[in-house]
Amino acid sequence: MTVPLQIGVPGAPELLIIFLIAVILLGVPLLVLLGVASGLSLLGADEEEIEELQRRVAELEAQIAEKNAQRYEDDERD
C-alpha cells in the first residue's frame, strides 16, 4: 500500500532557511531592494518609482559582479 505525498505550507524553520540561503546568494542590500520593489508594486506605486528601483537593482548586480571578478583576479594572483 502506498501513501501519497502531501506537500504542506512551509513553516517558520523552512522559511528561515530559504531566507538565509537567499541572503548568502544575493546579499542583504539586493534583497532589501527587491523587497521594497515588490512591496511598492503590491501597493500600486508609480511606474517611475518601480523603474528607479529596477535600475538600482541592476546597478547593485553590476557592482556585485565587479567585486566577484576582482576577488577572482586576486585569488589567481596568489
C-alpha atoms as a PDB file:
ATOM      1  CA  MET A   1       0.000   0.000   0.000  1.00  0.00           C
ATOM      2  CA  THR A   2       1.450   3.363  -0.995  1.00  0.00           C
ATOM      3  CA  VAL A   3       0.811   6.640   0.745  1.00  0.00           C
ATOM      4  CA  PRO A   4       0.560   9.727  -1.466  1.00  0.00           C
ATOM      5  CA  LEU A   5       2.995  12.525  -0.748  1.00  0.00           C
ATOM      6  CA  GLN A   6       1.430  15.577   0.789  1.00  0.00           C
ATOM      7  CA  ILE A   7       3.115  18.904   0.370  1.00  0.00           C
ATOM      8  CA  GLY A   8       2.183  21.413   3.020  1.00  0.00           C
ATOM      9  CA  VAL A   9       2.821  25.071   3.536  1.00  0.00           C
ATOM     10  CA  PRO A  10       6.410  25.720   4.684  1.00  0.00           C
ATOM     11  CA  GLY A  11       6.664  26.602   8.337  1.00  0.00           C
ATOM     12  CA  ALA A  12       8.886  29.103  10.105  1.00  0.00           C
ATOM     13  CA  PRO A  13      12.067  26.961  10.132  1.00  0.00           C
ATOM     14  CA  GLU A  14      11.799  26.238   6.420  1.00  0.00           C
ATOM     15  CA  LEU A  15      11.161  29.894   5.571  1.00  0.00           C
ATOM     16  CA  LEU A  16      14.125  30.931   7.716  1.00  0.00           C
ATOM     17  CA  ILE A  17      16.408  28.522   5.863  1.00  0.00           C
ATOM     18  CA  ILE A  18      15.142  29.786   2.495  1.00  0.00           C
ATOM     19  CA  PHE A  19      15.733  33.386   3.605  1.00  0.00           C
ATOM     20  CA  LEU A  20      19.274  32.617   4.812  1.00  0.00           C
ATOM     21  CA  ILE A  21      20.136  30.918   1.523  1.00  0.00           C
ATOM     22  CA  ALA A  22      18.799  33.942  -0.372  1.00  0.00           C
ATOM     23  CA  VAL A  23      20.928  36.264   1.787  1.00  0.00           C
ATOM     24  CA  ILE A  24      24.019  34.165   1.105  1.00  0.00           C
ATOM     25  CA  LEU A  25      23.405  34.047  -2.643  1.00  0.00           C
ATOM     26  CA  LEU A  26      22.115  37.561  -3.281  1.00  0.00           C
ATOM     27  CA  GLY A  27      23.325  39.686  -0.399  1.00  0.00           C
ATOM     28  CA  VAL A  28      21.373  41.828   2.020  1.00  0.00           C
ATOM     29  CA  PRO A  29      21.192  45.097   0.002  1.00  0.00           C
ATOM     30  CA  LEU A  30      19.809  43.354  -3.054  1.00  0.00           C
ATOM     31  CA  LEU A  31      17.181  41.525  -1.026  1.00  0.00           C
ATOM     32  CA  VAL A  32      16.119  44.766   0.642  1.00  0.00           C
ATOM     33  CA  LEU A  33      15.684  46.483  -2.715  1.00  0.00           C
ATOM     34  CA  LEU A  34      13.785  43.520  -4.135  1.00  0.00           C
ATOM     35  CA  GLY A  35      11.521  43.509  -1.084  1.00  0.00           C
ATOM     36  CA  VAL A  36      10.841  47.219  -1.372  1.00  0.00           C
ATOM     37  CA  ALA A  37      10.177  46.922  -5.105  1.00  0.00           C
ATOM     38  CA  SER A  38       7.743  44.050  -4.649  1.00  0.00           C
ATOM     39  CA  GLY A  39       6.031  45.886  -1.785  1.00  0.00           C
ATOM     40  CA  LEU A  40       5.625  49.010  -3.888  1.00  0.00           C
ATOM     41  CA  SER A  41       4.211  47.030  -6.777  1.00  0.00           C
ATOM     42  CA  LEU A  42       1.691  45.397  -4.451  1.00  0.00           C
ATOM     43  CA  LEU A  43       0.669  48.817  -3.139  1.00  0.00           C
ATOM     44  CA  GLY A  44       0.291  50.197  -6.640  1.00  0.00           C
ATOM     45  CA  ALA A  45       3.282  52.532  -6.776  1.00  0.00           C
ATOM     46  CA  ASP A  46       4.012  54.708  -9.757  1.00  0.00           C
ATOM     47  CA  GLU A  47       5.812  53.220 -12.737  1.00  0.00           C
ATOM     48  CA  GLU A  48       8.643  55.733 -12.322  1.00  0.00           C
ATOM     49  CA  GLU A  49       9.354  54.588  -8.756  1.00  0.00           C
ATOM     50  CA  ILE A  50       9.398  50.956  -9.808  1.00  0.00           C
ATOM     51  CA  GLU A  51      11.680  51.692 -12.765  1.00  0.00           C
ATOM     52  CA  GLU A  52      14.057  53.614 -10.490  1.00  0.00           C
ATOM     53  CA  LEU A  53      14.240  50.672  -8.104  1.00  0.00           C
ATOM     54  CA  GLN A  54      14.829  48.288 -11.004  1.00  0.00           C
ATOM     55  CA  ARG A  55      17.701  50.488 -12.219  1.00  0.00           C
ATOM     56  CA  ARG A  56      19.167  50.489  -8.714  1.00  0.00           C
ATOM     57  CA  VAL A  57      18.911  46.693  -8.523  1.00  0.00           C
ATOM     58  CA  ALA A  58      20.682  46.426 -11.876  1.00  0.00           C
ATOM     59  CA  GLU A  59      23.441  48.748 -10.584  1.00  0.00           C
ATOM     60  CA  LEU A  60      23.875  46.628  -7.464  1.00  0.00           C
ATOM     61  CA  GLU A  61      24.022  43.443  -9.519  1.00  0.00           C
ATOM     62  CA  ALA A  62      26.734  45.025 -11.690  1.00  0.00           C
ATOM     63  CA  GLN A  63      28.691  46.054  -8.583  1.00  0.00           C
ATOM     64  CA  ILE A  64      28.420  42.535  -7.175  1.00  0.00           C
ATOM     65  CA  ALA A  65      29.650  41.053 -10.449  1.00  0.00           C
ATOM     66  CA  GLU A  66      32.556  43.527 -10.495  1.00  0.00           C
ATOM     67  CA  LYS A  67      33.525  42.664  -6.907  1.00  0.00           C
ATOM     68  CA  ASN A  68      33.358  38.959  -7.679  1.00  0.00           C
ATOM     69  CA  ALA A  69      35.574  39.446 -10.737  1.00  0.00           C
ATOM     70  CA  GLN A  70      38.090  41.407  -8.665  1.00  0.00           C
ATOM     71  CA  ARG A  71      38.089  38.721  -5.996  1.00  0.00           C
ATOM     72  CA  TYR A  72      38.640  36.059  -8.658  1.00  0.00           C
ATOM     73  CA  GLU A  73      41.576  38.011 -10.122  1.00  0.00           C
ATOM     74  CA  ASP A  74      43.083  38.462  -6.652  1.00  0.00           C
ATOM     75  CA  ASP A  75      42.784  34.729  -5.996  1.00  0.00           C
ATOM     76  CA  GLU A  76      44.551  33.948  -9.284  1.00  0.00           C
ATOM     77  CA  ARG A  77      47.482  36.215  -8.386  1.00  0.00           C
ATOM     78  CA  ASP A  78      48.031  34.489  -5.061  1.00  0.00           C
END
